[in-house]
Protein backbone atom coordinates (compact mmCIF):
# COMPACT_ATOMS: atom_id res chain seq x y z
CA MET A 1 40.81 -7.36 36.71
CA SER A 2 37.19 -7.40 37.87
CA PHE A 3 34.50 -9.62 36.37
CA LEU A 4 32.76 -6.62 34.78
CA GLN A 5 35.99 -5.52 33.13
CA GLN A 6 36.57 -9.02 31.77
CA LEU A 7 33.03 -9.11 30.46
CA SER A 8 33.48 -5.69 28.86
CA ASN A 9 36.65 -6.88 27.12
CA LEU A 10 34.83 -9.93 25.74
CA PHE A 11 32.21 -7.74 24.04
CA GLU A 12 34.60 -4.97 22.98
CA LEU A 13 34.15 -3.95 19.30
CA HIS A 14 36.79 -1.26 18.77
CA SER A 15 40.01 -3.28 18.55
CA ASP A 16 39.25 -5.04 15.26
CA LYS A 17 37.30 -2.16 13.71
CA ALA A 18 38.32 -1.24 10.17
CA SER A 19 39.38 2.32 9.46
CA GLU A 20 36.46 4.72 9.40
CA GLU A 21 37.45 5.97 5.95
CA ASP A 22 37.27 2.46 4.46
CA VAL A 23 33.92 1.71 6.12
CA VAL A 24 32.37 4.99 4.96
CA LEU A 25 33.63 4.53 1.39
CA SER A 26 32.31 0.96 1.30
CA ILE A 27 28.86 1.99 2.50
CA LYS A 28 28.73 4.99 0.16
CA SER A 29 29.54 2.83 -2.88
CA SER A 30 26.85 0.29 -1.96
CA SER A 31 24.28 3.09 -1.61
CA VAL A 32 24.41 3.99 -5.31
CA PHE A 33 21.93 2.42 -7.71
CA ARG A 34 23.21 2.52 -11.26
CA GLY A 35 24.91 0.09 -13.58
CA THR A 36 25.73 -3.18 -11.81
CA ASN A 37 23.61 -2.58 -8.72
CA LEU A 38 20.58 -1.67 -10.81
CA TRP A 39 20.84 -4.78 -12.96
CA LEU A 40 21.35 -6.96 -9.88
CA LEU A 41 18.22 -5.43 -8.39
CA VAL A 42 16.11 -6.21 -11.47
CA PHE A 43 17.41 -9.78 -11.62
CA ALA A 44 16.74 -10.26 -7.90
CA ILE A 45 13.19 -8.98 -8.32
CA PHE A 46 12.45 -11.55 -11.00
CA VAL A 47 14.03 -14.37 -8.99
CA ALA A 48 12.09 -13.42 -5.84
CA SER A 49 8.82 -13.04 -7.75
CA ILE A 50 9.23 -16.46 -9.35
CA GLY A 51 10.12 -17.98 -5.98
CA LEU A 52 7.00 -16.53 -4.39
CA ASN A 53 4.93 -17.62 -7.38
CA ILE A 54 6.05 -21.27 -7.22
CA ASN A 55 6.33 -21.28 -3.43
CA SER A 56 10.04 -22.13 -3.37
CA THR A 57 11.91 -21.12 -0.22
CA ALA A 58 15.31 -21.87 -1.79
CA VAL A 59 14.65 -19.57 -4.75
CA ILE A 60 13.47 -16.76 -2.46
CA ILE A 61 16.63 -17.07 -0.34
CA GLY A 62 18.68 -16.87 -3.53
CA ALA A 63 16.94 -13.64 -4.48
CA MET A 64 17.67 -12.14 -1.07
CA LEU A 65 21.36 -12.94 -1.48
CA ILE A 66 21.45 -11.27 -4.91
CA SER A 67 19.55 -8.17 -3.87
CA PRO A 68 21.60 -4.98 -3.25
CA LEU A 69 18.77 -3.25 -1.32
CA MET A 70 20.68 -3.26 1.98
CA GLY A 71 23.17 -0.68 0.68
CA PRO A 72 21.13 2.56 0.72
CA ILE A 73 19.37 1.63 3.97
CA VAL A 74 22.67 1.17 5.81
CA GLY A 75 23.92 4.32 4.08
CA ALA A 76 20.99 6.35 5.41
CA GLY A 77 21.55 5.08 8.94
CA MET A 78 25.24 5.91 8.86
CA ALA A 79 24.57 9.33 7.31
CA LEU A 80 22.24 10.19 10.20
CA ALA A 81 24.84 9.07 12.74
CA ILE A 82 27.73 11.09 11.27
CA ASN A 83 25.61 14.06 10.15
CA ASP A 84 26.43 13.54 6.46
CA PHE A 85 23.28 15.05 5.01
CA ALA A 86 24.52 14.85 1.42
CA LEU A 87 24.92 11.07 1.83
CA LEU A 88 21.51 10.88 3.53
CA LYS A 89 19.83 12.61 0.59
CA LYS A 90 21.62 10.37 -1.91
CA ALA A 91 20.85 7.16 0.02
CA LEU A 92 17.16 7.96 0.45
CA SER A 93 16.72 8.96 -3.20
CA ASN A 94 18.44 5.75 -4.32
CA LEU A 95 16.26 3.72 -1.96
CA LEU A 96 13.13 5.36 -3.38
CA VAL A 97 14.23 4.61 -6.94
CA ALA A 98 15.04 1.00 -6.04
CA THR A 99 11.69 0.57 -4.30
CA LEU A 100 9.72 1.92 -7.26
CA ILE A 101 11.66 -0.24 -9.72
CA ALA A 102 11.19 -3.36 -7.60
CA MET A 103 7.44 -2.85 -7.23
CA THR A 104 7.00 -2.00 -10.91
CA VAL A 105 8.87 -5.06 -12.16
CA SER A 106 7.16 -7.43 -9.70
CA THR A 107 3.75 -5.99 -10.62
CA ILE A 108 4.44 -6.62 -14.30
CA TYR A 109 5.58 -10.17 -13.56
CA PHE A 110 2.53 -11.07 -11.48
CA PHE A 111 0.25 -9.42 -14.03
CA ILE A 112 1.47 -11.69 -16.85
CA THR A 113 2.16 -14.95 -14.97
CA PRO A 114 -0.49 -17.66 -15.39
CA LEU A 115 -0.06 -18.71 -11.73
CA ARG A 116 -2.34 -16.32 -9.85
CA ASP A 117 -2.95 -18.08 -6.52
CA ALA A 118 -1.33 -16.71 -3.36
CA GLN A 119 1.06 -19.36 -2.00
CA SER A 120 2.14 -19.74 1.63
CA GLU A 121 5.52 -18.01 1.09
CA LEU A 122 3.69 -15.00 -0.31
CA LEU A 123 1.03 -14.92 2.41
CA ALA A 124 3.76 -15.01 5.07
CA ARG A 125 4.79 -11.49 3.99
CA THR A 126 1.36 -9.89 4.41
CA SER A 127 0.91 -9.83 8.21
CA PRO A 128 3.90 -8.17 9.92
CA ASN A 129 4.11 -7.86 13.69
CA ILE A 130 6.49 -6.91 16.49
CA PHE A 131 8.67 -9.96 15.84
CA ASP A 132 9.51 -8.58 12.40
CA VAL A 133 10.58 -5.35 14.12
CA LEU A 134 12.97 -7.29 16.36
CA ILE A 135 14.36 -9.27 13.41
CA ALA A 136 15.05 -6.07 11.48
CA LEU A 137 16.64 -4.37 14.50
CA PHE A 138 18.99 -7.18 15.48
CA GLY A 139 19.70 -8.02 11.84
CA GLY A 140 20.66 -4.41 11.21
CA LEU A 141 22.95 -4.38 14.25
CA ALA A 142 24.66 -7.54 13.00
CA GLY A 143 25.00 -6.02 9.54
CA ILE A 144 26.79 -2.83 10.57
CA VAL A 145 29.06 -4.77 12.94
CA GLY A 146 30.06 -7.03 10.04
CA VAL A 147 30.64 -4.13 7.65
CA SER A 148 32.83 -2.26 10.15
CA ARG A 149 35.30 -5.14 10.76
CA LYS A 150 38.81 -5.42 9.33
CA GLU A 151 38.20 -9.06 8.49
CA LYS A 152 35.07 -9.30 6.38
CA SER A 153 32.72 -12.21 7.09
CA ASN A 154 29.49 -13.71 5.77
CA VAL A 155 27.38 -11.49 8.03
CA ILE A 156 25.77 -9.42 5.26
CA PRO A 157 24.34 -12.41 3.34
CA GLY A 158 22.90 -13.68 6.61
CA VAL A 159 21.37 -10.29 7.38
CA ALA A 160 19.92 -10.12 3.85
CA ILE A 161 18.18 -13.47 4.42
CA ALA A 162 16.97 -12.66 7.93
CA THR A 163 15.54 -9.22 7.19
CA ALA A 164 14.05 -10.24 3.82
CA LEU A 165 13.74 -6.92 2.01
CA MET A 166 13.03 -8.23 -1.48
CA PRO A 167 10.10 -10.66 -0.89
CA PRO A 168 7.81 -8.04 0.74
CA LEU A 169 8.32 -5.69 -2.20
CA CYS A 170 7.47 -8.46 -4.65
CA THR A 171 4.43 -9.39 -2.56
CA ALA A 172 3.30 -5.77 -2.72
CA GLY A 173 3.64 -6.02 -6.50
CA TYR A 174 1.45 -9.14 -6.40
CA GLY A 175 -1.17 -7.20 -4.44
CA ILE A 176 -1.20 -4.45 -7.07
CA ALA A 177 -1.30 -6.89 -10.02
CA THR A 178 -4.19 -8.87 -8.54
CA ALA A 179 -6.02 -5.83 -7.11
CA GLN A 180 -5.76 -7.12 -3.53
CA LEU A 181 -5.14 -4.01 -1.46
CA GLN A 182 -4.71 -5.88 1.84
CA TYR A 183 -1.77 -7.85 0.45
CA MET A 184 -0.12 -4.74 -0.96
CA LEU A 185 -0.49 -2.74 2.26
CA GLY A 186 0.59 -5.60 4.56
CA ALA A 187 3.66 -6.43 2.50
CA PHE A 188 4.71 -2.81 2.03
CA TYR A 189 4.33 -2.21 5.76
CA LEU A 190 6.70 -5.14 6.40
CA TYR A 191 9.16 -3.60 3.93
CA LEU A 192 8.97 -0.24 5.73
CA ILE A 193 9.54 -1.96 9.08
CA ASN A 194 12.68 -3.62 7.76
CA CYS A 195 14.00 -0.41 6.20
CA THR A 196 13.30 1.70 9.29
CA PHE A 197 14.85 -0.60 11.86
CA ILE A 198 17.89 -1.57 9.79
CA CYS A 199 18.49 2.16 9.45
CA ILE A 200 18.00 2.77 13.19
CA ALA A 201 20.22 -0.18 14.09
CA THR A 202 22.96 1.22 11.85
CA PHE A 203 22.57 4.66 13.45
CA LEU A 204 22.89 3.22 16.97
CA MET A 205 25.91 1.06 16.20
CA VAL A 206 27.77 3.82 14.33
CA LYS A 207 27.19 6.09 17.32
CA TYR A 208 28.46 3.34 19.65
CA LEU A 209 31.58 2.86 17.50
CA ARG A 210 32.19 6.63 17.72
CA PHE A 211 32.58 7.42 14.04
CA GLN A 212 33.65 11.03 13.52
CA PRO A 213 30.83 13.32 12.33
CA VAL A 214 31.19 15.01 8.97
CA GLN A 215 29.74 18.19 10.40
CA TYR A 216 28.46 19.25 13.76
CA VAL A 217 24.82 20.21 14.13
CA ASP A 218 23.32 22.72 16.49
CA LYS A 219 21.11 21.67 19.38
CA GLN A 220 17.86 22.48 17.60
CA GLN A 221 18.78 20.42 14.54
CA ALA A 222 19.78 17.47 16.74
CA ILE A 223 16.43 17.65 18.53
CA ARG A 224 14.62 17.75 15.18
CA ILE A 225 16.48 14.63 13.96
CA ARG A 226 15.69 12.73 17.15
CA SER A 227 12.02 13.75 16.89
CA ILE A 228 11.80 12.48 13.32
CA MET A 229 13.39 9.18 14.29
CA SER A 230 11.15 8.78 17.35
CA THR A 231 8.05 9.42 15.23
CA ALA A 232 9.18 6.89 12.65
CA VAL A 233 9.74 4.28 15.38
CA ALA A 234 6.29 4.89 16.86
CA ILE A 235 4.57 4.66 13.46
CA MET A 236 6.28 1.36 12.74
CA VAL A 237 6.11 -0.23 16.19
CA LEU A 238 2.59 0.50 17.44
CA PRO A 239 0.69 -1.29 14.62
CA ALA A 240 3.21 -4.15 14.80
CA ILE A 241 2.51 -4.61 18.52
CA PHE A 242 -1.22 -4.71 17.80
CA PHE A 243 -0.78 -7.33 15.07
CA ALA A 244 1.43 -9.43 17.36
CA TRP A 245 -1.28 -9.26 20.04
CA GLN A 246 -3.79 -10.50 17.45
CA VAL A 247 -1.51 -13.45 16.58
CA VAL A 248 -1.19 -14.40 20.25
CA GLN A 249 -4.97 -14.18 20.75
CA GLU A 250 -5.63 -16.27 17.65
CA ASN A 251 -3.21 -18.97 18.83
CA LYS A 252 -4.94 -19.08 22.22
CA PHE A 253 -8.33 -19.38 20.54
CA ARG A 254 -7.16 -22.21 18.26
CA LYS A 255 -5.75 -24.14 21.23
CA LYS A 256 -9.07 -23.87 23.06
CA ALA A 257 -11.06 -24.84 19.95
CA ASN A 258 -8.84 -27.85 19.22
CA ARG A 259 -9.09 -28.99 22.85
CA PHE A 260 -12.88 -28.76 22.64
CA VAL A 261 -13.00 -30.89 19.47
CA GLU A 262 -10.52 -33.39 20.92
CA GLU A 263 -12.36 -33.86 24.22
CA GLN A 264 -15.98 -33.66 23.06
CA PHE A 265 -15.77 -35.48 19.72
CA ILE A 266 -12.56 -37.38 18.95
CA ALA A 267 -12.12 -38.74 22.50
CA LYS A 268 -15.72 -39.99 22.28
CA GLU A 269 -14.92 -41.69 18.95
CA HIS A 270 -17.14 -39.51 16.78
CA ILE A 271 -16.01 -39.26 13.16
CA VAL A 272 -15.05 -35.61 12.57
CA LEU A 273 -14.78 -35.46 8.81
CA SER A 274 -13.81 -31.79 8.63
CA LYS A 275 -12.86 -29.05 11.10
CA LYS A 276 -12.76 -25.33 10.35
CA ILE A 277 -11.74 -22.89 13.08
CA ASN A 278 -12.33 -19.20 12.44
CA ALA A 279 -10.73 -16.93 15.03
CA GLY A 280 -12.06 -13.75 13.44
CA VAL A 281 -15.24 -11.83 14.14
CA PRO A 282 -17.61 -13.56 14.45
CA ALA A 283 -15.58 -16.53 15.75
CA SER A 284 -16.81 -20.01 14.88
CA ILE A 285 -16.03 -23.72 15.02
CA GLU A 286 -17.49 -25.63 12.08
CA LEU A 287 -17.49 -29.43 12.13
CA ILE A 288 -18.70 -32.14 9.78
CA VAL A 289 -19.65 -35.17 11.90
CA LEU A 290 -20.24 -38.40 10.01
CA ASP A 291 -21.46 -41.02 12.46
CA LYS A 292 -23.98 -39.30 14.76
CA LYS A 293 -27.12 -37.21 14.47
CA PHE A 294 -27.08 -34.79 17.40
CA SER A 295 -30.40 -33.68 18.84
CA GLN A 296 -31.11 -30.01 19.35
CA ALA A 297 -30.69 -30.47 23.11
CA GLU A 298 -27.25 -32.01 22.57
CA LEU A 299 -26.27 -29.18 20.24
CA ASP A 300 -27.37 -26.62 22.82
CA THR A 301 -25.30 -28.40 25.48
CA LEU A 302 -22.20 -28.40 23.26
CA GLN A 303 -22.69 -24.73 22.45
CA GLN A 304 -22.90 -23.95 26.16
CA LEU A 305 -19.71 -25.93 26.80
CA VAL A 306 -17.92 -23.85 24.17
CA LYS A 307 -18.94 -20.64 25.93
CA THR A 308 -18.42 -21.62 29.57
CA ASN A 309 -16.08 -24.61 30.00
CA TYR A 310 -13.71 -23.67 27.17
CA GLY A 311 -13.70 -19.88 27.56
CA MET A 312 -14.98 -18.88 24.09
CA PRO A 313 -18.12 -16.86 24.93
CA ASN A 314 -18.58 -15.25 21.50
CA THR A 315 -17.95 -18.39 19.45
CA ARG A 316 -20.64 -20.10 17.42
CA LEU A 317 -20.59 -23.89 17.04
CA LEU A 318 -21.79 -25.19 13.66
CA ILE A 319 -22.20 -28.93 13.12
CA ARG A 320 -23.05 -30.45 9.75
CA GLN A 321 -24.26 -34.01 10.33
CA ASP A 322 -25.81 -35.39 7.14
CA GLN A 323 -23.08 -37.22 5.21
CA HIS A 324 -25.22 -37.39 2.08
CA LYS A 325 -24.86 -33.62 1.71
CA LEU A 326 -21.06 -33.66 1.80
CA THR A 327 -19.31 -32.24 -1.22
CA LYS A 328 -16.68 -34.16 -3.15
CA SER A 329 -14.03 -31.66 -2.02
CA ASP A 330 -14.99 -32.20 1.65
CA PHE A 331 -14.43 -35.92 1.38
CA LEU A 332 -11.25 -35.75 -0.70
CA ASN A 333 -9.80 -33.24 1.74
CA PHE A 334 -10.50 -35.69 4.56
CA VAL A 335 -8.97 -38.68 2.73
CA GLU A 336 -5.86 -36.82 1.56
CA GLN A 337 -5.09 -34.87 4.73
CA GLN A 338 -6.24 -37.18 7.53
CA TYR A 339 -5.34 -40.62 6.23
CA ALA A 340 -1.93 -39.50 5.02
CA ASN A 341 -1.05 -38.18 8.46
CA GLU A 342 0.40 -41.05 10.51
CA VAL A 343 -0.17 -39.19 13.77
CA ARG A 344 -3.89 -38.93 13.08
CA LEU A 345 -4.39 -42.27 11.32
CA GLU A 346 -4.98 -44.28 14.49
CA THR A 347 -7.68 -41.88 15.69
CA VAL A 348 -9.40 -41.77 12.30
CA GLU A 349 -9.26 -45.54 11.89
CA SER A 350 -10.70 -46.06 15.36
CA ALA A 351 -13.60 -43.75 14.55
CA LEU A 352 -14.26 -45.45 11.23
CA ASN A 353 -14.32 -48.81 12.97
CA GLN A 354 -17.42 -47.65 14.85
CA LEU A 355 -19.15 -47.12 11.53
CA GLU A 356 -17.92 -50.45 10.21
CA LYS A 357 -19.53 -52.40 13.07
CA SER A 358 -22.99 -51.61 11.79
CA ASN A 359 -22.41 -51.22 8.05
CA THR A 360 -19.47 -53.42 7.10
CA THR A 361 -20.94 -54.76 3.86
CA ASP A 362 -23.96 -52.50 3.37
CA ALA A 363 -23.55 -51.95 -0.37
CA GLY A 364 -25.93 -49.00 -0.49
CA GLN A 365 -24.12 -47.14 2.27
CA LEU A 366 -20.73 -47.99 0.78
CA LEU A 367 -21.82 -46.80 -2.66
CA GLN A 368 -22.81 -43.42 -1.22
CA GLU A 369 -19.44 -43.12 0.54
CA LEU A 370 -17.39 -44.01 -2.55
CA GLN A 371 -19.40 -41.62 -4.70
CA GLN A 372 -17.94 -38.84 -2.55
CA ILE A 373 -14.54 -39.81 -3.96
CA ASP A 374 -15.66 -40.44 -7.55
CA SER A 375 -19.11 -39.26 -8.56
CA SER A 376 -19.01 -41.34 -11.79
CA ILE A 377 -19.51 -44.59 -9.80
CA VAL A 378 -23.11 -45.75 -10.45
CA GLN A 379 -23.21 -49.34 -9.13
CA LEU A 380 -21.37 -51.39 -6.53
CA GLN A 381 -21.15 -55.01 -5.50
CA ALA A 382 -19.26 -55.92 -2.33
CA GLY A 383 -18.57 -58.96 -0.20
CA TRP A 384 -16.02 -61.08 1.60
CA MET A 385 -14.06 -63.93 0.02
CA ILE A 386 -11.25 -66.28 1.12
CA ASN A 387 -8.07 -66.30 -0.94
CA ALA A 388 -5.62 -69.20 -1.45
CA LEU A 389 -3.81 -68.30 1.76
CA GLN A 390 -7.04 -68.57 3.75
CA ASP A 391 -7.05 -64.81 4.35
CA SER A 392 -10.23 -62.76 4.29
CA VAL A 393 -10.38 -60.37 1.33
CA PHE A 394 -12.98 -57.66 0.88
CA GLN A 395 -13.84 -57.58 -2.82
CA VAL A 396 -15.58 -54.63 -4.43
CA GLY A 397 -16.90 -54.46 -7.97
CA LEU A 398 -17.48 -50.99 -9.37
CA GLN A 399 -19.42 -49.85 -12.42
CA TYR A 400 -18.83 -46.35 -13.75
CA ASN A 401 -20.86 -43.94 -15.80
CA GLY A 402 -18.65 -43.52 -18.86
CA THR A 403 -14.90 -44.09 -19.06
CA VAL A 404 -13.35 -46.16 -16.26
CA PRO A 405 -10.74 -44.07 -14.36
CA ARG A 406 -7.20 -45.42 -14.59
CA ASN A 407 -6.32 -44.65 -10.98
CA ASN A 408 -8.45 -45.85 -8.06
CA THR A 409 -5.78 -45.36 -5.37
CA ALA A 410 -7.99 -43.06 -3.27
CA ILE A 411 -10.79 -45.65 -3.25
CA VAL A 412 -8.47 -48.51 -2.29
CA ASP A 413 -6.85 -46.45 0.48
CA TYR A 414 -10.23 -45.49 1.87
CA LEU A 415 -11.53 -49.07 1.81
CA LYS A 416 -8.40 -50.36 3.59
CA VAL A 417 -9.04 -48.00 6.47
CA ARG A 418 -12.79 -48.67 6.31
CA MET A 419 -12.13 -52.43 6.61
CA LYS A 420 -9.60 -52.11 9.46
CA GLY A 421 -6.57 -52.79 7.27
CA LYS A 422 -7.95 -56.00 5.73
CA GLN A 423 -6.91 -56.88 2.21
CA VAL A 424 -9.05 -55.11 -0.38
CA VAL A 425 -9.51 -55.91 -4.06
CA VAL A 426 -11.28 -53.46 -6.37
CA ASN A 427 -12.55 -54.68 -9.72
CA GLN A 428 -13.57 -52.18 -12.41
């Protein structure tokens, strides 16, 4: 037996195929939306909507496992492959009903929920690209292979999770409820991608498995079906390719921008309090620099470096340098995100040490810094003392305007980094 024959036997799918009658009956029954399937759909919609609302991946996965949306999509694909136009009509009508119900229920939920912000799990369903096409295609192929086996496996739950039909529909409902058209269109496009390519994958695999057609079609009708499918593929794929290209370009831009900030600021021990990279049009890099006042000539040089040395010709560099104009949210974002990140802590601490060399116990400067964390601080006294163990302790006395806050953890954490890890005592 040749190598190619052995390889062919390894990937052979016909020997353990279930009877065609059983497979067709199973798919037909799962294509119907009434009674149990309809109630499961409604429950899954609520679960998915809540999961998106509270940003819980586990809850969203649970909703995908409950959802019966795969049934009519697989049914439509099989109907096209075996020329069962009655089943095709029934599957598509059931899919339309299920889609309308899902979007209606999710819209109602997001209209009445008090949590209105778009979380990361929800935003992830608003920008589909070519990778979603591939997931739907290979997921659909896996699904029909699993359904057509004598021994049933856990393939369908896995396909339901991978292709994620329910979350995009619920995200579209969120877009309608909050009047955000871009969310609704992006999420619904992802849903259409999944439906189309699961259907096409089913069609291809059923053809490969050589299921017997219900009726034979003439040449003209076969050409018409192929034309419709080719058009659907083009409509789904071409925008997805464009969006994928945008993602790749944005990633390239962010790498260049981060390298610029790393080499021109952090490596030179400047304190970059905040960094915002916008890869859109117009592109920009916005920095808040705490320890240095750049001259106009220096700013022009940095802008030129951005355009020439780092390959971002249409990118504007914006540097905010006056720390007294920082907002409270700017500073808190820096403390919470940078100091809590162990990978970045060494770099941040090193930069802050430069500031400490000149202003270690400058009470006026320190007061202005701490007021960024808590604006109710009105007076400050600071100095070094020696404790019973002969260790240096930096002691700070704070006076507040009004009620003394119960929690000064952010202030203590900041001062520890500011004082190079020395012991800090805060009196209120």
